[in-house]
Amino acid sequence: MLSIFERIRNRYVISVMIFLILMASLLKVGHFSRSLSLNRFAVNLIIATASDSNVRLQIQPASSILPSLREELQKSPADCTSQRYLWQVSVLMGKSHQIDPHCENRLTKDIMSTWALRLGQHYSTVGNFRGAAFVYKKGLKLGKTRAQSWLFFELSNAQYQLEMYDKSLENAIRALDTTDNSHVLSRSNFRIGTLLRRMAKPDEAIPYILSSVELEPDRVWNHLALGNAYKEIGQVEAARSAYRNALGLEPVQDAAIRRLIESLDNP
């Protein structure tokens, strides 16, 4: 639930944004550069407020500015910055907008894919995993970018939350294949291991979970997942060792971990 302060702030920001949009729409062609600046400022406000916990409130303001941005592009089709803004607002609304090829190279797909990643993460934060998956897929359509492996990884996470386990597994594997980032490698290995265990394949899961332990030895969940996988295949001592390695990493979890160790002695 949003606090009263947050509600007042969000309404104020959106009111200011709509006012700027109306101002921009009243400007003449002779003041095109001024109109362009106002529209871009309005889009930045849309994106900024989308970073808050009330992402859904941004759809209406975004729809208000879309026609104006398209009009600007008709007047100045070579303006790559306007192309990027239009792409951003279109993605926010769940619509399609094709970036001009020369702008894809100049603007760089990296900027747009990173924006798609951030927006998708905000959708996930508020529990809109379908919206997040949609945005991640939009970002992945840009092809090979610096954010590509992150997009695959986050898409896998969103699909896991949506119980699309086969798709989640596919994209976690793609994340592994497209990165050398240790964080993405660790979390993707963990996700694959979790999915394989869910599919009743703990023996296949163990190598992936071991990789996540090697990459992030201080993450308690890696050790717990490894212990659970060993337990599922009957390797009690290996499970005990994994659980013991988890002790102390997050003291708040220690009591539960000790109960897991005791359960090995009393199956």
C-alpha atoms as a PDB file:
ATOM      1  CA  MET A   1       0.000   0.000   0.000  1.00  0.00           C
ATOM      2  CA  LEU A   2       1.243   3.459  -0.893  1.00  0.00           C
ATOM      3  CA  SER A   3       1.528   6.014   1.889  1.00  0.00           C
ATOM      4  CA  ILE A   4      -0.506   9.239   1.769  1.00  0.00           C
ATOM      5  CA  PHE A   5       2.687  11.133   0.977  1.00  0.00           C
ATOM      6  CA  GLU A   6       3.494   8.849  -1.956  1.00  0.00           C
ATOM      7  CA  ARG A   7      -0.041   9.167  -3.340  1.00  0.00           C
ATOM      8  CA  ILE A   8       0.076  12.960  -3.156  1.00  0.00           C
ATOM      9  CA  ARG A   9       3.530  12.992  -4.735  1.00  0.00           C
ATOM     10  CA  ASN A  10       2.534  10.671  -7.576  1.00  0.00           C
ATOM     11  CA  ARG A  11      -0.624  12.645  -8.330  1.00  0.00           C
ATOM     12  CA  TYR A  12       1.403  15.854  -8.344  1.00  0.00           C
ATOM     13  CA  VAL A  13       4.033  14.433 -10.700  1.00  0.00           C
ATOM     14  CA  ILE A  14       1.411  13.054 -13.086  1.00  0.00           C
ATOM     15  CA  SER A  15      -0.529  16.345 -13.014  1.00  0.00           C
ATOM     16  CA  VAL A  16       2.619  18.281 -13.882  1.00  0.00           C
ATOM     17  CA  MET A  17       3.394  15.805 -16.655  1.00  0.00           C
ATOM     18  CA  ILE A  18      -0.076  16.062 -18.211  1.00  0.00           C
ATOM     19  CA  PHE A  19       0.130  19.869 -18.001  1.00  0.00           C
ATOM     20  CA  LEU A  20       3.435  19.792 -19.901  1.00  0.00           C
ATOM     21  CA  ILE A  21       1.955  17.475 -22.514  1.00  0.00           C
ATOM     22  CA  LEU A  22      -0.953  19.865 -23.075  1.00  0.00           C
ATOM     23  CA  MET A  23       1.448  22.793 -23.360  1.00  0.00           C
ATOM     24  CA  ALA A  24       3.545  20.920 -25.908  1.00  0.00           C
ATOM     25  CA  SER A  25       0.503  20.040 -28.000  1.00  0.00           C
ATOM     26  CA  LEU A  26      -0.467  23.757 -28.241  1.00  0.00           C
ATOM     27  CA  LEU A  27       2.881  24.916 -29.583  1.00  0.00           C
ATOM     28  CA  LYS A  28       3.164  25.838 -33.271  1.00  0.00           C
ATOM     29  CA  VAL A  29       5.463  24.216 -35.812  1.00  0.00           C
ATOM     30  CA  GLY A  30       7.771  27.208 -35.554  1.00  0.00           C
ATOM     31  CA  HIS A  31       8.473  26.240 -31.958  1.00  0.00           C
ATOM     32  CA  PHE A  32       9.134  22.620 -32.834  1.00  0.00           C
ATOM     33  CA  SER A  33      12.402  22.367 -30.899  1.00  0.00           C
ATOM     34  CA  ARG A  34      10.698  23.709 -27.782  1.00  0.00           C
ATOM     35  CA  SER A  35       7.830  21.228 -28.220  1.00  0.00           C
ATOM     36  CA  LEU A  36      10.336  18.420 -28.660  1.00  0.00           C
ATOM     37  CA  SER A  37      12.083  19.377 -25.431  1.00  0.00           C
ATOM     38  CA  LEU A  38       8.823  19.461 -23.458  1.00  0.00           C
ATOM     39  CA  ASN A  39       7.730  16.110 -24.809  1.00  0.00           C
ATOM     40  CA  ARG A  40      11.044  14.527 -23.896  1.00  0.00           C
ATOM     41  CA  PHE A  41      10.810  15.979 -20.409  1.00  0.00           C
ATOM     42  CA  ALA A  42       7.313  14.509 -20.088  1.00  0.00           C
ATOM     43  CA  VAL A  43       8.603  11.098 -21.179  1.00  0.00           C
ATOM     44  CA  ASN A  44      11.367  11.306 -18.588  1.00  0.00           C
ATOM     45  CA  LEU A  45       8.707  11.973 -15.946  1.00  0.00           C
ATOM     46  CA  ILE A  46       6.770   8.918 -17.145  1.00  0.00           C
ATOM     47  CA  ILE A  47       9.901   6.787 -16.874  1.00  0.00           C
ATOM     48  CA  ALA A  48      10.853   8.259 -13.491  1.00  0.00           C
ATOM     49  CA  THR A  49       7.451   7.565 -11.981  1.00  0.00           C
ATOM     50  CA  ALA A  50       7.474   4.096 -13.539  1.00  0.00           C
ATOM     51  CA  SER A  51      10.398   3.452 -11.224  1.00  0.00           C
ATOM     52  CA  ASP A  52       8.012   3.795  -8.283  1.00  0.00           C
ATOM     53  CA  SER A  53       5.814   1.036  -6.943  1.00  0.00           C
ATOM     54  CA  ASN A  54       2.751   2.204  -8.905  1.00  0.00           C
ATOM     55  CA  VAL A  55       3.863   1.322 -12.427  1.00  0.00           C
ATOM     56  CA  ARG A  56       0.304   0.783 -13.625  1.00  0.00           C
ATOM     57  CA  LEU A  57      -0.503   4.489 -13.156  1.00  0.00           C
ATOM     58  CA  GLN A  58       1.873   5.361 -15.988  1.00  0.00           C
ATOM     59  CA  ILE A  59      -0.219   3.850 -18.804  1.00  0.00           C
ATOM     60  CA  GLN A  60      -2.629   6.784 -19.193  1.00  0.00           C
ATOM     61  CA  PRO A  61       0.038   9.536 -19.227  1.00  0.00           C
ATOM     62  CA  ALA A  62       2.029   7.470 -21.710  1.00  0.00           C
ATOM     63  CA  SER A  63      -0.958   7.143 -24.043  1.00  0.00           C
ATOM     64  CA  SER A  64      -1.424  10.923 -23.896  1.00  0.00           C
ATOM     65  CA  ILE A  65       2.041  11.653 -25.216  1.00  0.00           C
ATOM     66  CA  LEU A  66       2.292   8.913 -27.859  1.00  0.00           C
ATOM     67  CA  PRO A  67       0.482  10.824 -30.684  1.00  0.00           C
ATOM     68  CA  SER A  68       2.618  13.898 -30.059  1.00  0.00           C
ATOM     69  CA  LEU A  69       5.839  11.899 -30.273  1.00  0.00           C
ATOM     70  CA  ARG A  70       4.706  10.292 -33.524  1.00  0.00           C
ATOM     71  CA  GLU A  71       3.937  13.740 -34.957  1.00  0.00           C
ATOM     72  CA  GLU A  72       7.423  14.905 -34.046  1.00  0.00           C
ATOM     73  CA  LEU A  73       8.949  11.933 -35.845  1.00  0.00           C
ATOM     74  CA  GLN A  74       6.983  12.749 -38.979  1.00  0.00           C
ATOM     75  CA  LYS A  75       8.494  16.238 -38.930  1.00  0.00           C
ATOM     76  CA  SER A  76      11.993  15.020 -38.145  1.00  0.00           C
ATOM     77  CA  PRO A  77      12.273  11.307 -39.037  1.00  0.00           C
ATOM     78  CA  ALA A  78      16.054  11.292 -38.632  1.00  0.00           C
ATOM     79  CA  ASP A  79      15.858  12.285 -34.962  1.00  0.00           C
ATOM     80  CA  CYS A  80      17.135   9.166 -33.217  1.00  0.00           C
ATOM     81  CA  THR A  81      16.502  10.469 -29.727  1.00  0.00           C
ATOM     82  CA  SER A  82      12.796  10.850 -30.484  1.00  0.00           C
ATOM     83  CA  GLN A  83      12.847   7.332 -31.904  1.00  0.00           C
ATOM     84  CA  ARG A  84      14.190   6.045 -28.602  1.00  0.00           C
ATOM     85  CA  TYR A  85      11.601   7.948 -26.566  1.00  0.00           C
ATOM     86  CA  LEU A  86       8.797   6.628 -28.768  1.00  0.00           C
ATOM     87  CA  TRP A  87      10.138   3.088 -28.387  1.00  0.00           C
ATOM     88  CA  GLN A  88      10.260   3.483 -24.608  1.00  0.00           C
ATOM     89  CA  VAL A  89       6.704   4.775 -24.305  1.00  0.00           C
ATOM     90  CA  SER A  90       5.443   2.114 -26.730  1.00  0.00           C
ATOM     91  CA  VAL A  91       7.000  -0.660 -24.654  1.00  0.00           C
ATOM     92  CA  LEU A  92       5.532   0.827 -21.482  1.00  0.00           C
ATOM     93  CA  MET A  93       2.080   0.617 -23.103  1.00  0.00           C
ATOM     94  CA  GLY A  94       2.563  -2.859 -24.529  1.00  0.00           C
ATOM     95  CA  LYS A  95       2.662  -1.607 -28.114  1.00  0.00           C
ATOM     96  CA  SER A  96       5.173  -2.048 -30.919  1.00  0.00           C
ATOM     97  CA  HIS A  97       7.390   0.552 -32.512  1.00  0.00           C
ATOM     98  CA  GLN A  98      10.112  -0.321 -35.000  1.00  0.00           C
ATOM     99  CA  ILE A  99      13.297   1.696 -34.617  1.00  0.00           C
ATOM    100  CA  ASP A 100      14.716   3.055 -37.869  1.00  0.00           C
ATOM    101  CA  PRO A 101      17.805   0.976 -38.834  1.00  0.00           C
ATOM    102  CA  HIS A 102      20.191   3.942 -38.866  1.00  0.00           C
ATOM    103  CA  CYS A 103      19.006   4.894 -35.380  1.00  0.00           C
ATOM    104  CA  GLU A 104      19.532   1.386 -34.036  1.00  0.00           C
ATOM    105  CA  ASN A 105      23.226   1.737 -34.799  1.00  0.00           C
ATOM    106  CA  ARG A 106      23.590   5.327 -33.583  1.00  0.00           C
ATOM    107  CA  LEU A 107      21.451   5.074 -30.456  1.00  0.00           C
ATOM    108  CA  THR A 108      22.810   1.738 -29.738  1.00  0.00           C
ATOM    109  CA  LYS A 109      20.615  -1.133 -28.849  1.00  0.00           C
ATOM    110  CA  ASP A 110      22.457  -1.191 -25.536  1.00  0.00           C
ATOM    111  CA  ILE A 111      20.605   1.898 -24.284  1.00  0.00           C
ATOM    112  CA  MET A 112      17.197   0.506 -25.206  1.00  0.00           C
ATOM    113  CA  SER A 113      17.869  -3.005 -23.924  1.00  0.00           C
ATOM    114  CA  THR A 114      19.110  -1.612 -20.601  1.00  0.00           C
ATOM    115  CA  TRP A 115      15.970   0.489 -20.302  1.00  0.00           C
ATOM    116  CA  ALA A 116      13.832  -2.590 -21.038  1.00  0.00           C
ATOM    117  CA  LEU A 117      15.737  -4.478 -18.330  1.00  0.00           C
ATOM    118  CA  ARG A 118      15.151  -1.747 -15.738  1.00  0.00           C
ATOM    119  CA  LEU A 119      11.467  -1.372 -16.552  1.00  0.00           C
ATOM    120  CA  GLY A 120      10.957  -5.134 -16.437  1.00  0.00           C
ATOM    121  CA  GLN A 121      12.602  -5.243 -13.025  1.00  0.00           C
ATOM    122  CA  HIS A 122      10.220  -2.563 -11.794  1.00  0.00           C
ATOM    123  CA  TYR A 123       7.258  -4.582 -13.055  1.00  0.00           C
ATOM    124  CA  SER A 124       8.613  -7.620 -11.208  1.00  0.00           C
ATOM    125  CA  THR A 125       8.993  -5.573  -8.024  1.00  0.00           C
ATOM    126  CA  VAL A 126       5.251  -4.847  -7.980  1.00  0.00           C
ATOM    127  CA  GLY A 127       4.378  -8.448  -8.847  1.00  0.00           C
ATOM    128  CA  ASN A 128       3.427  -7.874 -12.492  1.00  0.00           C
ATOM    129  CA  PHE A 129       5.428 -10.796 -13.884  1.00  0.00           C
ATOM    130  CA  ARG A 130       3.474 -10.959 -17.136  1.00  0.00           C
ATOM    131  CA  GLY A 131       4.276  -7.328 -17.800  1.00  0.00           C
ATOM    132  CA  ALA A 132       7.911  -7.959 -16.893  1.00  0.00           C
ATOM    133  CA  ALA A 133       8.150 -10.950 -19.257  1.00  0.00           C
ATOM    134  CA  PHE A 134       6.620  -8.874 -22.067  1.00  0.00           C
ATOM    135  CA  VAL A 135       9.187  -6.086 -21.616  1.00  0.00           C
ATOM    136  CA  TYR A 136      12.137  -8.508 -21.363  1.00  0.00           C
ATOM    137  CA  LYS A 137      11.074 -10.133 -24.641  1.00  0.00           C
ATOM    138  CA  LYS A 138      10.921  -6.691 -26.271  1.00  0.00           C
ATOM    139  CA  GLY A 139      14.474  -6.032 -25.120  1.00  0.00           C
ATOM    140  CA  LEU A 140      15.686  -9.408 -26.402  1.00  0.00           C
ATOM    141  CA  LYS A 141      14.276  -8.661 -29.854  1.00  0.00           C
ATOM    142  CA  LEU A 142      17.015  -6.028 -30.158  1.00  0.00           C
ATOM    143  CA  GLY A 143      19.518  -8.871 -30.535  1.00  0.00           C
ATOM    144  CA  LYS A 144      22.963  -9.033 -28.999  1.00  0.00           C
ATOM    145  CA  THR A 145      23.428  -6.240 -26.451  1.00  0.00           C
ATOM    146  CA  ARG A 146      25.261  -5.702 -23.189  1.00  0.00           C
ATOM    147  CA  ALA A 147      22.009  -6.452 -21.349  1.00  0.00           C
ATOM    148  CA  GLN A 148      21.166  -9.601 -23.318  1.00  0.00           C
ATOM    149  CA  SER A 149      22.239 -12.168 -20.733  1.00  0.00           C
ATOM    150  CA  TRP A 150      20.531 -10.173 -17.951  1.00  0.00           C
ATOM    151  CA  LEU A 151      17.344 -10.071 -20.016  1.00  0.00           C
ATOM    152  CA  PHE A 152      17.446 -13.859 -20.492  1.00  0.00           C
ATOM    153  CA  PHE A 153      18.072 -14.316 -16.769  1.00  0.00           C
ATOM    154  CA  GLU A 154      15.296 -11.953 -15.655  1.00  0.00           C
ATOM    155  CA  LEU A 155      12.907 -13.457 -18.214  1.00  0.00           C
ATOM    156  CA  SER A 156      13.655 -16.875 -16.735  1.00  0.00           C
ATOM    157  CA  ASN A 157      12.853 -15.536 -13.256  1.00  0.00           C
ATOM    158  CA  ALA A 158       9.570 -13.990 -14.410  1.00  0.00           C
ATOM    159  CA  GLN A 159       8.550 -17.220 -16.148  1.00  0.00           C
ATOM    160  CA  TYR A 160       9.421 -19.184 -13.023  1.00  0.00           C
ATOM    161  CA  GLN A 161       7.035 -16.986 -11.049  1.00  0.00           C
ATOM    162  CA  LEU A 162       4.392 -17.608 -13.723  1.00  0.00           C
ATOM    163  CA  GLU A 163       5.002 -21.383 -13.359  1.00  0.00           C
ATOM    164  CA  MET A 164       6.216 -21.599 -16.973  1.00  0.00           C
ATOM    165  CA  TYR A 165       8.992 -23.935 -15.907  1.00  0.00           C
ATOM    166  CA  ASP A 166      10.055 -25.284 -19.316  1.00  0.00           C
ATOM    167  CA  LYS A 167      10.406 -21.757 -20.713  1.00  0.00           C
ATOM    168  CA  SER A 168      12.182 -20.641 -17.560  1.00  0.00           C
ATOM    169  CA  LEU A 169      14.728 -23.446 -17.971  1.00  0.00           C
ATOM    170  CA  GLU A 170      15.325 -22.570 -21.629  1.00  0.00           C
ATOM    171  CA  ASN A 171      16.049 -18.931 -20.856  1.00  0.00           C
ATOM    172  CA  ALA A 172      18.236 -19.678 -17.833  1.00  0.00           C
ATOM    173  CA  ILE A 173      20.385 -21.847 -20.137  1.00  0.00           C
ATOM    174  CA  ARG A 174      20.476 -19.020 -22.712  1.00  0.00           C
ATOM    175  CA  ALA A 175      21.628 -16.648 -19.973  1.00  0.00           C
ATOM    176  CA  LEU A 176      24.522 -19.009 -19.211  1.00  0.00           C
ATOM    177  CA  ASP A 177      25.459 -19.212 -22.880  1.00  0.00           C
ATOM    178  CA  THR A 178      25.581 -15.439 -23.400  1.00  0.00           C
ATOM    179  CA  THR A 179      27.497 -14.124 -20.383  1.00  0.00           C
ATOM    180  CA  ASP A 180      30.740 -14.107 -18.464  1.00  0.00           C
ATOM    181  CA  ASN A 181      29.232 -12.035 -15.640  1.00  0.00           C
ATOM    182  CA  SER A 182      29.754 -13.954 -12.407  1.00  0.00           C
ATOM    183  CA  HIS A 183      26.461 -12.838 -10.877  1.00  0.00           C
ATOM    184  CA  VAL A 184      24.412 -13.920 -13.902  1.00  0.00           C
ATOM    185  CA  LEU A 185      26.391 -17.172 -14.089  1.00  0.00           C
ATOM    186  CA  SER A 186      25.786 -17.949 -10.426  1.00  0.00           C
ATOM    187  CA  ARG A 187      22.083 -17.102 -10.379  1.00  0.00           C
ATOM    188  CA  SER A 188      21.411 -18.824 -13.707  1.00  0.00           C
ATOM    189  CA  ASN A 189      23.120 -21.991 -12.469  1.00  0.00           C
ATOM    190  CA  PHE A 190      21.037 -21.771  -9.300  1.00  0.00           C
ATOM    191  CA  ARG A 191      17.836 -21.301 -11.307  1.00  0.00           C
ATOM    192  CA  ILE A 192      18.628 -24.281 -13.553  1.00  0.00           C
ATOM    193  CA  GLY A 193      19.399 -26.427 -10.522  1.00  0.00           C
ATOM    194  CA  THR A 194      16.144 -25.377  -8.858  1.00  0.00           C
ATOM    195  CA  LEU A 195      14.151 -26.200 -11.986  1.00  0.00           C
ATOM    196  CA  LEU A 196      15.795 -29.581 -12.461  1.00  0.00           C
ATOM    197  CA  ARG A 197      15.027 -30.476  -8.847  1.00  0.00           C
ATOM    198  CA  ARG A 198      11.425 -29.431  -9.426  1.00  0.00           C
ATOM    199  CA  MET A 199      11.413 -31.774 -12.423  1.00  0.00           C
ATOM    200  CA  ALA A 200      12.565 -34.613 -10.130  1.00  0.00           C
ATOM    201  CA  LYS A 201      16.085 -34.610 -11.586  1.00  0.00           C
ATOM    202  CA  PRO A 202      18.238 -33.834  -8.526  1.00  0.00           C
ATOM    203  CA  ASP A 203      21.215 -35.753  -9.893  1.00  0.00           C
ATOM    204  CA  GLU A 204      21.270 -33.476 -12.953  1.00  0.00           C
ATOM    205  CA  ALA A 205      20.746 -30.410 -10.771  1.00  0.00           C
ATOM    206  CA  ILE A 206      23.799 -30.943  -8.552  1.00  0.00           C
ATOM    207  CA  PRO A 207      26.511 -29.835 -11.037  1.00  0.00           C
ATOM    208  CA  TYR A 208      24.659 -26.565 -11.666  1.00  0.00           C
ATOM    209  CA  ILE A 209      24.132 -25.892  -7.968  1.00  0.00           C
ATOM    210  CA  LEU A 210      27.800 -26.700  -7.285  1.00  0.00           C
ATOM    211  CA  SER A 211      28.724 -24.045  -9.840  1.00  0.00           C
ATOM    212  CA  SER A 212      26.545 -21.505  -8.058  1.00  0.00           C
ATOM    213  CA  VAL A 213      28.243 -22.417  -4.747  1.00  0.00           C
ATOM    214  CA  GLU A 214      31.685 -21.905  -6.298  1.00  0.00           C
ATOM    215  CA  LEU A 215      30.686 -18.529  -7.751  1.00  0.00           C
ATOM    216  CA  GLU A 216      28.850 -17.270  -4.639  1.00  0.00           C
ATOM    217  CA  PRO A 217      30.117 -19.239  -1.633  1.00  0.00           C
ATOM    218  CA  ASP A 218      28.653 -16.693   0.804  1.00  0.00           C
ATOM    219  CA  ARG A 219      25.074 -17.091  -0.419  1.00  0.00           C
ATOM    220  CA  VAL A 220      23.159 -19.285   2.002  1.00  0.00           C
ATOM    221  CA  TRP A 221      20.545 -20.398  -0.530  1.00  0.00           C
ATOM    222  CA  ASN A 222      23.177 -22.027  -2.735  1.00  0.00           C
ATOM    223  CA  HIS A 223      24.325 -24.305   0.086  1.00  0.00           C
ATOM    224  CA  LEU A 224      20.766 -25.117   1.125  1.00  0.00           C
ATOM    225  CA  ALA A 225      19.805 -26.035  -2.441  1.00  0.00           C
ATOM    226  CA  LEU A 226      22.889 -28.245  -2.687  1.00  0.00           C
ATOM    227  CA  GLY A 227      22.056 -29.949   0.613  1.00  0.00           C
ATOM    228  CA  ASN A 228      18.479 -30.535  -0.506  1.00  0.00           C
ATOM    229  CA  ALA A 229      19.629 -32.051  -3.808  1.00  0.00           C
ATOM    230  CA  TYR A 230      22.056 -34.407  -2.053  1.00  0.00           C
ATOM    231  CA  LYS A 231      19.319 -35.363   0.400  1.00  0.00           C
ATOM    232  CA  GLU A 232      16.965 -36.179  -2.484  1.00  0.00           C
ATOM    233  CA  ILE A 233      19.438 -38.669  -3.966  1.00  0.00           C
ATOM    234  CA  GLY A 234      20.214 -40.241  -0.597  1.00  0.00           C
ATOM    235  CA  GLN A 235      23.718 -38.809  -0.049  1.00  0.00           C
ATOM    236  CA  VAL A 236      23.177 -37.948   3.607  1.00  0.00           C
ATOM    237  CA  GLU A 237      26.758 -36.998   4.538  1.00  0.00           C
ATOM    238  CA  ALA A 238      27.122 -34.727   1.504  1.00  0.00           C
ATOM    239  CA  ALA A 239      23.811 -33.093   2.432  1.00  0.00           C
ATOM    240  CA  ARG A 240      24.982 -32.645   6.048  1.00  0.00           C
ATOM    241  CA  SER A 241      28.190 -30.996   4.846  1.00  0.00           C
ATOM    242  CA  ALA A 242      26.303 -28.617   2.568  1.00  0.00           C
ATOM    243  CA  TYR A 243      23.914 -27.624   5.353  1.00  0.00           C
ATOM    244  CA  ARG A 244      26.803 -27.032   7.761  1.00  0.00           C
ATOM    245  CA  ASN A 245      28.472 -24.770   5.200  1.00  0.00           C
ATOM    246  CA  ALA A 246      25.302 -22.670   5.218  1.00  0.00           C
ATOM    247  CA  LEU A 247      25.519 -22.049   8.983  1.00  0.00           C
ATOM    248  CA  GLY A 248      26.603 -18.543   9.898  1.00  0.00           C
ATOM    249  CA  LEU A 249      26.053 -17.037   6.459  1.00  0.00           C
ATOM    250  CA  GLU A 250      22.680 -15.643   7.515  1.00  0.00           C
ATOM    251  CA  PRO A 251      22.371 -16.086  11.289  1.00  0.00           C
ATOM    252  CA  VAL A 252      18.610 -15.593  11.155  1.00  0.00           C
ATOM    253  CA  GLN A 253      18.419 -18.855   9.167  1.00  0.00           C
ATOM    254  CA  ASP A 254      20.650 -20.890  11.502  1.00  0.00           C
ATOM    255  CA  ALA A 255      17.848 -22.372  13.629  1.00  0.00           C
ATOM    256  CA  ALA A 256      16.048 -23.670  10.532  1.00  0.00           C
ATOM    257  CA  ILE A 257      19.319 -25.030   9.119  1.00  0.00           C
ATOM    258  CA  ARG A 258      20.042 -26.925  12.346  1.00  0.00           C
ATOM    259  CA  ARG A 259      16.615 -28.501  12.109  1.00  0.00           C
ATOM    260  CA  LEU A 260      17.475 -29.653   8.593  1.00  0.00           C
ATOM    261  CA  ILE A 261      20.691 -31.243   9.905  1.00  0.00           C
ATOM    262  CA  GLU A 262      18.782 -32.959  12.703  1.00  0.00           C
ATOM    263  CA  SER A 263      16.247 -34.268  10.194  1.00  0.00           C
ATOM    264  CA  LEU A 264      19.060 -36.201   8.509  1.00  0.00           C
ATOM    265  CA  ASP A 265      19.646 -38.086  11.737  1.00  0.00           C
ATOM    266  CA  ASN A 266      15.941 -38.749  12.217  1.00  0.00           C
ATOM    267  CA  PRO A 267      14.531 -39.434   8.747  1.00  0.00           C
END
